[in-house]
Amino acid sequence: MKKKLNKKQLSSDYQWILMQSLSQYSGQWIAVSEKKIVARNKSLKEVIKTVSNISSKSIPLYLRVPEGSITT
């Protein structure tokens, strides 16, 4: 199944992630889809690989959580 870029979903996921505590993911890449963290790893390549095995209609939001303390 080919995944589509859904700008509305990406924006919703981005707004959701801003409200989350991400300290447990410090220094890792995460993939967010439909307001859920669906993959995490220190390697972006591994996160992408994990996500490719998940059935989802839309492309997830990928971001790296900075190391150190995170405040919202």
PDB file of N, CA and C in Angstrom:
ATOM      1  N   MET A   1       0.837  -1.175   0.000  1.00  0.00           N
ATOM      2  CA  MET A   1       0.000   0.000   0.000  1.00  0.00           C
ATOM      3  C   MET A   1       0.888   1.245   0.000  1.00  0.00           C
ATOM      4  N   LYS A   2       0.619   2.139  -0.936  1.00  0.00           N
ATOM      5  CA  LYS A   2       1.384   3.373  -1.008  1.00  0.00           C
ATOM      6  C   LYS A   2       0.832   4.381  -0.004  1.00  0.00           C
ATOM      7  N   LYS A   3       1.735   4.975   0.748  1.00  0.00           N
ATOM      8  CA  LYS A   3       1.323   5.944   1.763  1.00  0.00           C
ATOM      9  C   LYS A   3       1.234   7.329   1.136  1.00  0.00           C
ATOM     10  N   LYS A   4       0.262   8.112   1.600  1.00  0.00           N
ATOM     11  CA  LYS A   4       0.046   9.461   1.080  1.00  0.00           C
ATOM     12  C   LYS A   4       0.459  10.511   2.097  1.00  0.00           C
ATOM     13  N   LEU A   5       0.874  11.654   1.599  1.00  0.00           N
ATOM     14  CA  LEU A   5       1.196  12.790   2.461  1.00  0.00           C
ATOM     15  C   LEU A   5      -0.108  13.495   2.812  1.00  0.00           C
ATOM     16  N   ASN A   6      -0.455  13.481   4.076  1.00  0.00           N
ATOM     17  CA  ASN A   6      -1.674  14.102   4.557  1.00  0.00           C
ATOM     18  C   ASN A   6      -1.273  15.274   5.446  1.00  0.00           C
ATOM     19  N   LYS A   7      -1.278  16.474   4.867  1.00  0.00           N
ATOM     20  CA  LYS A   7      -0.815  17.660   5.592  1.00  0.00           C
ATOM     21  C   LYS A   7      -1.640  17.948   6.848  1.00  0.00           C
ATOM     22  N   LYS A   8      -2.932  17.689   6.762  1.00  0.00           N
ATOM     23  CA  LYS A   8      -3.795  17.932   7.922  1.00  0.00           C
ATOM     24  C   LYS A   8      -3.406  16.996   9.078  1.00  0.00           C
ATOM     25  N   GLN A   9      -3.149  15.709   8.750  1.00  0.00           N
ATOM     26  CA  GLN A   9      -2.751  14.742   9.772  1.00  0.00           C
ATOM     27  C   GLN A   9      -1.383  15.095  10.350  1.00  0.00           C
ATOM     28  N   LEU A  10      -0.441  15.505   9.486  1.00  0.00           N
ATOM     29  CA  LEU A  10       0.891  15.900   9.967  1.00  0.00           C
ATOM     30  C   LEU A  10       0.790  17.076  10.930  1.00  0.00           C
ATOM     31  N   SER A  11      -0.043  18.051  10.583  1.00  0.00           N
ATOM     32  CA  SER A  11      -0.223  19.215  11.451  1.00  0.00           C
ATOM     33  C   SER A  11      -0.836  18.808  12.786  1.00  0.00           C
ATOM     34  N   SER A  12      -1.807  17.926  12.739  1.00  0.00           N
ATOM     35  CA  SER A  12      -2.449  17.428  13.955  1.00  0.00           C
ATOM     36  C   SER A  12      -1.441  16.667  14.818  1.00  0.00           C
ATOM     37  N   ASP A  13      -0.635  15.818  14.185  1.00  0.00           N
ATOM     38  CA  ASP A  13       0.388  15.064  14.914  1.00  0.00           C
ATOM     39  C   ASP A  13       1.428  15.998  15.523  1.00  0.00           C
ATOM     40  N   TYR A  14       1.799  17.041  14.785  1.00  0.00           N
ATOM     41  CA  TYR A  14       2.785  17.998  15.285  1.00  0.00           C
ATOM     42  C   TYR A  14       2.240  18.730  16.515  1.00  0.00           C
ATOM     43  N   GLN A  15       1.003  19.174  16.430  1.00  0.00           N
ATOM     44  CA  GLN A  15       0.386  19.858  17.573  1.00  0.00           C
ATOM     45  C   GLN A  15       0.315  18.923  18.787  1.00  0.00           C
ATOM     46  N   TRP A  16      -0.005  17.653  18.535  1.00  0.00           N
ATOM     47  CA  TRP A  16      -0.084  16.663  19.611  1.00  0.00           C
ATOM     48  C   TRP A  16       1.275  16.460  20.260  1.00  0.00           C
ATOM     49  N   ILE A  17       2.321  16.316  19.442  1.00  0.00           N
ATOM     50  CA  ILE A  17       3.660  16.020  19.967  1.00  0.00           C
ATOM     51  C   ILE A  17       4.185  17.178  20.818  1.00  0.00           C
ATOM     52  N   LEU A  18       3.774  18.397  20.494  1.00  0.00           N
ATOM     53  CA  LEU A  18       4.205  19.552  21.281  1.00  0.00           C
ATOM     54  C   LEU A  18       3.696  19.486  22.719  1.00  0.00           C
ATOM     55  N   MET A  19       2.630  18.762  22.941  1.00  0.00           N
ATOM     56  CA  MET A  19       2.028  18.672  24.267  1.00  0.00           C
ATOM     57  C   MET A  19       2.500  17.450  25.058  1.00  0.00           C
ATOM     58  N   GLN A  20       3.383  16.645  24.479  1.00  0.00           N
ATOM     59  CA  GLN A  20       3.832  15.411  25.117  1.00  0.00           C
ATOM     60  C   GLN A  20       5.162  15.603  25.850  1.00  0.00           C
ATOM     61  N   SER A  21       5.380  14.822  26.869  1.00  0.00           N
ATOM     62  CA  SER A  21       6.682  14.762  27.527  1.00  0.00           C
ATOM     63  C   SER A  21       7.525  13.757  26.741  1.00  0.00           C
ATOM     64  N   LEU A  22       8.632  14.205  26.202  1.00  0.00           N
ATOM     65  CA  LEU A  22       9.455  13.359  25.346  1.00  0.00           C
ATOM     66  C   LEU A  22      10.786  12.977  25.981  1.00  0.00           C
ATOM     67  N   SER A  23      10.943  13.224  27.278  1.00  0.00           N
ATOM     68  CA  SER A  23      12.231  12.972  27.931  1.00  0.00           C
ATOM     69  C   SER A  23      12.673  11.517  27.818  1.00  0.00           C
ATOM     70  N   GLN A  24      11.737  10.588  27.771  1.00  0.00           N
ATOM     71  CA  GLN A  24      12.111   9.176  27.658  1.00  0.00           C
ATOM     72  C   GLN A  24      12.679   8.829  26.282  1.00  0.00           C
ATOM     73  N   TYR A  25      12.527   9.738  25.306  1.00  0.00           N
ATOM     74  CA  TYR A  25      13.037   9.521  23.956  1.00  0.00           C
ATOM     75  C   TYR A  25      14.271  10.374  23.659  1.00  0.00           C
ATOM     76  N   SER A  26      14.869  10.933  24.689  1.00  0.00           N
ATOM     77  CA  SER A  26      16.017  11.814  24.545  1.00  0.00           C
ATOM     78  C   SER A  26      17.109  11.186  23.670  1.00  0.00           C
ATOM     79  N   GLY A  27      17.522  11.910  22.635  1.00  0.00           N
ATOM     80  CA  GLY A  27      18.581  11.448  21.740  1.00  0.00           C
ATOM     81  C   GLY A  27      18.130  10.437  20.699  1.00  0.00           C
ATOM     82  N   GLN A  28      16.828  10.208  20.605  1.00  0.00           N
ATOM     83  CA  GLN A  28      16.316   9.223  19.653  1.00  0.00           C
ATOM     84  C   GLN A  28      15.470   9.891  18.570  1.00  0.00           C
ATOM     85  N   TRP A  29      15.346   9.185  17.460  1.00  0.00           N
ATOM     86  CA  TRP A  29      14.401   9.552  16.413  1.00  0.00           C
ATOM     87  C   TRP A  29      13.076   8.902  16.748  1.00  0.00           C
ATOM     88  N   ILE A  30      11.981   9.622  16.505  1.00  0.00           N
ATOM     89  CA  ILE A  30      10.662   9.045  16.695  1.00  0.00           C
ATOM     90  C   ILE A  30       9.836   9.264  15.429  1.00  0.00           C
ATOM     91  N   ALA A  31       8.872   8.387  15.240  1.00  0.00           N
ATOM     92  CA  ALA A  31       7.903   8.530  14.160  1.00  0.00           C
ATOM     93  C   ALA A  31       6.533   8.637  14.814  1.00  0.00           C
ATOM     94  N   VAL A  32       5.781   9.653  14.411  1.00  0.00           N
ATOM     95  CA  VAL A  32       4.458   9.901  14.981  1.00  0.00           C
ATOM     96  C   VAL A  32       3.418   9.760  13.876  1.00  0.00           C
ATOM     97  N   SER A  33       2.396   8.979  14.157  1.00  0.00           N
ATOM     98  CA  SER A  33       1.308   8.790  13.202  1.00  0.00           C
ATOM     99  C   SER A  33      -0.003   8.699  13.966  1.00  0.00           C
ATOM    100  N   GLU A  34      -0.946   9.526  13.561  1.00  0.00           N
ATOM    101  CA  GLU A  34      -2.274   9.543  14.180  1.00  0.00           C
ATOM    102  C   GLU A  34      -2.201   9.688  15.698  1.00  0.00           C
ATOM    103  N   LYS A  35      -1.388  10.634  16.121  1.00  0.00           N
ATOM    104  CA  LYS A  35      -1.220  10.983  17.536  1.00  0.00           C
ATOM    105  C   LYS A  35      -0.699   9.832  18.380  1.00  0.00           C
ATOM    106  N   LYS A  36       0.163   9.024  17.785  1.00  0.00           N
ATOM    107  CA  LYS A  36       0.835   7.932  18.501  1.00  0.00           C
ATOM    108  C   LYS A  36       2.281   7.877  18.054  1.00  0.00           C
ATOM    109  N   ILE A  37       3.169   7.562  18.986  1.00  0.00           N
ATOM    110  CA  ILE A  37       4.561   7.304  18.631  1.00  0.00           C
ATOM    111  C   ILE A  37       4.616   5.848  18.197  1.00  0.00           C
ATOM    112  N   VAL A  38       4.875   5.644  16.902  1.00  0.00           N
ATOM    113  CA  VAL A  38       4.804   4.297  16.333  1.00  0.00           C
ATOM    114  C   VAL A  38       6.169   3.633  16.196  1.00  0.00           C
ATOM    115  N   ALA A  39       7.241   4.407  16.338  1.00  0.00           N
ATOM    116  CA  ALA A  39       8.592   3.839  16.271  1.00  0.00           C
ATOM    117  C   ALA A  39       9.569   4.795  16.931  1.00  0.00           C
ATOM    118  N   ARG A  40      10.661   4.206  17.458  1.00  0.00           N
ATOM    119  CA  ARG A  40      11.726   5.024  18.052  1.00  0.00           C
ATOM    120  C   ARG A  40      13.027   4.250  17.983  1.00  0.00           C
ATOM    121  N   ASN A  41      14.121   4.986  17.791  1.00  0.00           N
ATOM    122  CA  ASN A  41      15.437   4.371  17.731  1.00  0.00           C
ATOM    123  C   ASN A  41      16.473   5.482  17.612  1.00  0.00           C
ATOM    124  N   LYS A  42      17.695   5.199  17.994  1.00  0.00           N
ATOM    125  CA  LYS A  42      18.761   6.198  17.818  1.00  0.00           C
ATOM    126  C   LYS A  42      19.095   6.397  16.343  1.00  0.00           C
ATOM    127  N   SER A  43      18.721   5.414  15.514  1.00  0.00           N
ATOM    128  CA  SER A  43      18.999   5.473  14.081  1.00  0.00           C
ATOM    129  C   SER A  43      17.732   5.812  13.300  1.00  0.00           C
ATOM    130  N   LEU A  44      17.779   6.885  12.512  1.00  0.00           N
ATOM    131  CA  LEU A  44      16.647   7.242  11.672  1.00  0.00           C
ATOM    132  C   LEU A  44      16.357   6.121  10.675  1.00  0.00           C
ATOM    133  N   LYS A  45      17.401   5.510  10.166  1.00  0.00           N
ATOM    134  CA  LYS A  45      17.244   4.410   9.210  1.00  0.00           C
ATOM    135  C   LYS A  45      16.411   3.272   9.815  1.00  0.00           C
ATOM    136  N   GLU A  46      16.656   2.948  11.078  1.00  0.00           N
ATOM    137  CA  GLU A  46      15.905   1.888  11.750  1.00  0.00           C
ATOM    138  C   GLU A  46      14.451   2.293  11.997  1.00  0.00           C
ATOM    139  N   VAL A  47      14.223   3.559  12.305  1.00  0.00           N
ATOM    140  CA  VAL A  47      12.858   4.046  12.511  1.00  0.00           C
ATOM    141  C   VAL A  47      12.072   3.937  11.199  1.00  0.00           C
ATOM    142  N   ILE A  48      12.691   4.358  10.111  1.00  0.00           N
ATOM    143  CA  ILE A  48      12.042   4.277   8.802  1.00  0.00           C
ATOM    144  C   ILE A  48      11.755   2.824   8.444  1.00  0.00           C
ATOM    145  N   LYS A  49      12.697   1.945   8.741  1.00  0.00           N
ATOM    146  CA  LYS A  49      12.519   0.522   8.475  1.00  0.00           C
ATOM    147  C   LYS A  49      11.339  -0.040   9.268  1.00  0.00           C
ATOM    148  N   THR A  50      11.245   0.315  10.539  1.00  0.00           N
ATOM    149  CA  THR A  50      10.136  -0.134  11.383  1.00  0.00           C
ATOM    150  C   THR A  50       8.804   0.370  10.842  1.00  0.00           C
ATOM    151  N   VAL A  51       8.769   1.647  10.487  1.00  0.00           N
ATOM    152  CA  VAL A  51       7.534   2.254   9.989  1.00  0.00           C
ATOM    153  C   VAL A  51       7.092   1.612   8.673  1.00  0.00           C
ATOM    154  N   SER A  52       8.041   1.214   7.857  1.00  0.00           N
ATOM    155  CA  SER A  52       7.683   0.603   6.575  1.00  0.00           C
ATOM    156  C   SER A  52       6.942  -0.718   6.757  1.00  0.00           C
ATOM    157  N   ASN A  53       7.079  -1.344   7.928  1.00  0.00           N
ATOM    158  CA  ASN A  53       6.393  -2.597   8.220  1.00  0.00           C
ATOM    159  C   ASN A  53       5.040  -2.409   8.914  1.00  0.00           C
ATOM    160  N   ILE A  54       4.677  -1.150   9.168  1.00  0.00           N
ATOM    161  CA  ILE A  54       3.411  -0.845   9.837  1.00  0.00           C
ATOM    162  C   ILE A  54       2.386  -0.442   8.777  1.00  0.00           C
ATOM    163  N   SER A  55       1.219  -1.025   8.854  1.00  0.00           N
ATOM    164  CA  SER A  55       0.186  -0.644   7.887  1.00  0.00           C
ATOM    165  C   SER A  55      -0.460   0.667   8.333  1.00  0.00           C
ATOM    166  N   SER A  56      -0.287   1.662   7.514  1.00  0.00           N
ATOM    167  CA  SER A  56      -0.837   2.981   7.761  1.00  0.00           C
ATOM    168  C   SER A  56      -1.066   3.647   6.407  1.00  0.00           C
ATOM    169  N   LYS A  57      -2.093   4.473   6.337  1.00  0.00           N
ATOM    170  CA  LYS A  57      -2.410   5.123   5.075  1.00  0.00           C
ATOM    171  C   LYS A  57      -1.590   6.382   4.829  1.00  0.00           C
ATOM    172  N   SER A  58      -1.083   6.986   5.904  1.00  0.00           N
ATOM    173  CA  SER A  58      -0.380   8.258   5.746  1.00  0.00           C
ATOM    174  C   SER A  58       1.086   8.169   6.156  1.00  0.00           C
ATOM    175  N   ILE A  59       1.853   9.082   5.629  1.00  0.00           N
ATOM    176  CA  ILE A  59       3.272   9.182   5.958  1.00  0.00           C
ATOM    177  C   ILE A  59       3.389   9.786   7.361  1.00  0.00           C
ATOM    178  N   PRO A  60       4.189   9.166   8.237  1.00  0.00           N
ATOM    179  CA  PRO A  60       4.315   9.697   9.600  1.00  0.00           C
ATOM    180  C   PRO A  60       5.217  10.935   9.665  1.00  0.00           C
ATOM    181  N   LEU A  61       5.162  11.580  10.784  1.00  0.00           N
ATOM    182  CA  LEU A  61       6.032  12.711  11.100  1.00  0.00           C
ATOM    183  C   LEU A  61       7.276  12.151  11.784  1.00  0.00           C
ATOM    184  N   TYR A  62       8.456  12.460  11.245  1.00  0.00           N
ATOM    185  CA  TYR A  62       9.719  12.006  11.833  1.00  0.00           C
ATOM    186  C   TYR A  62      10.396  13.183  12.503  1.00  0.00           C
ATOM    187  N   LEU A  63      10.887  12.969  13.709  1.00  0.00           N
ATOM    188  CA  LEU A  63      11.692  14.008  14.354  1.00  0.00           C
ATOM    189  C   LEU A  63      12.648  13.419  15.362  1.00  0.00           C
ATOM    190  N   ARG A  64      13.725  14.146  15.580  1.00  0.00           N
ATOM    191  CA  ARG A  64      14.742  13.722  16.540  1.00  0.00           C
ATOM    192  C   ARG A  64      14.537  14.507  17.822  1.00  0.00           C
ATOM    193  N   VAL A  65      14.459  13.797  18.919  1.00  0.00           N
ATOM    194  CA  VAL A  65      14.282  14.425  20.224  1.00  0.00           C
ATOM    195  C   VAL A  65      15.677  14.803  20.722  1.00  0.00           C
ATOM    196  N   PRO A  66      15.898  16.072  21.027  1.00  0.00           N
ATOM    197  CA  PRO A  66      17.229  16.508  21.482  1.00  0.00           C
ATOM    198  C   PRO A  66      17.625  15.805  22.781  1.00  0.00           C
ATOM    199  N   GLU A  67      18.923  15.627  22.950  1.00  0.00           N
ATOM    200  CA  GLU A  67      19.419  15.049  24.198  1.00  0.00           C
ATOM    201  C   GLU A  67      19.371  16.100  25.292  1.00  0.00           C
ATOM    202  N   GLY A  68      19.216  15.640  26.520  1.00  0.00           N
ATOM    203  CA  GLY A  68      19.178  16.565  27.653  1.00  0.00           C
ATOM    204  C   GLY A  68      17.759  16.827  28.104  1.00  0.00           C
ATOM    205  N   SER A  69      17.591  17.827  28.940  1.00  0.00           N
ATOM    206  CA  SER A  69      16.275  18.101  29.502  1.00  0.00           C
ATOM    207  C   SER A  69      15.375  18.740  28.457  1.00  0.00           C
ATOM    208  N   ILE A  70      14.128  18.326  28.505  1.00  0.00           N
ATOM    209  CA  ILE A  70      13.142  18.841  27.569  1.00  0.00           C
ATOM    210  C   ILE A  70      11.993  19.397  28.383  1.00  0.00           C
ATOM    211  N   THR A  71      11.621  20.620  28.073  1.00  0.00           N
ATOM    212  CA  THR A  71      10.481  21.239  28.756  1.00  0.00           C
ATOM    213  C   THR A  71       9.474  21.655  27.732  1.00  0.00           C
ATOM    214  N   THR A  72       8.220  21.662  28.120  1.00  0.00           N
ATOM    215  CA  THR A  72       7.163  22.109  27.217  1.00  0.00           C
ATOM    216  C   THR A  72       6.446  23.282  27.810  1.00  0.00           C
TER     217      THR A  72
END
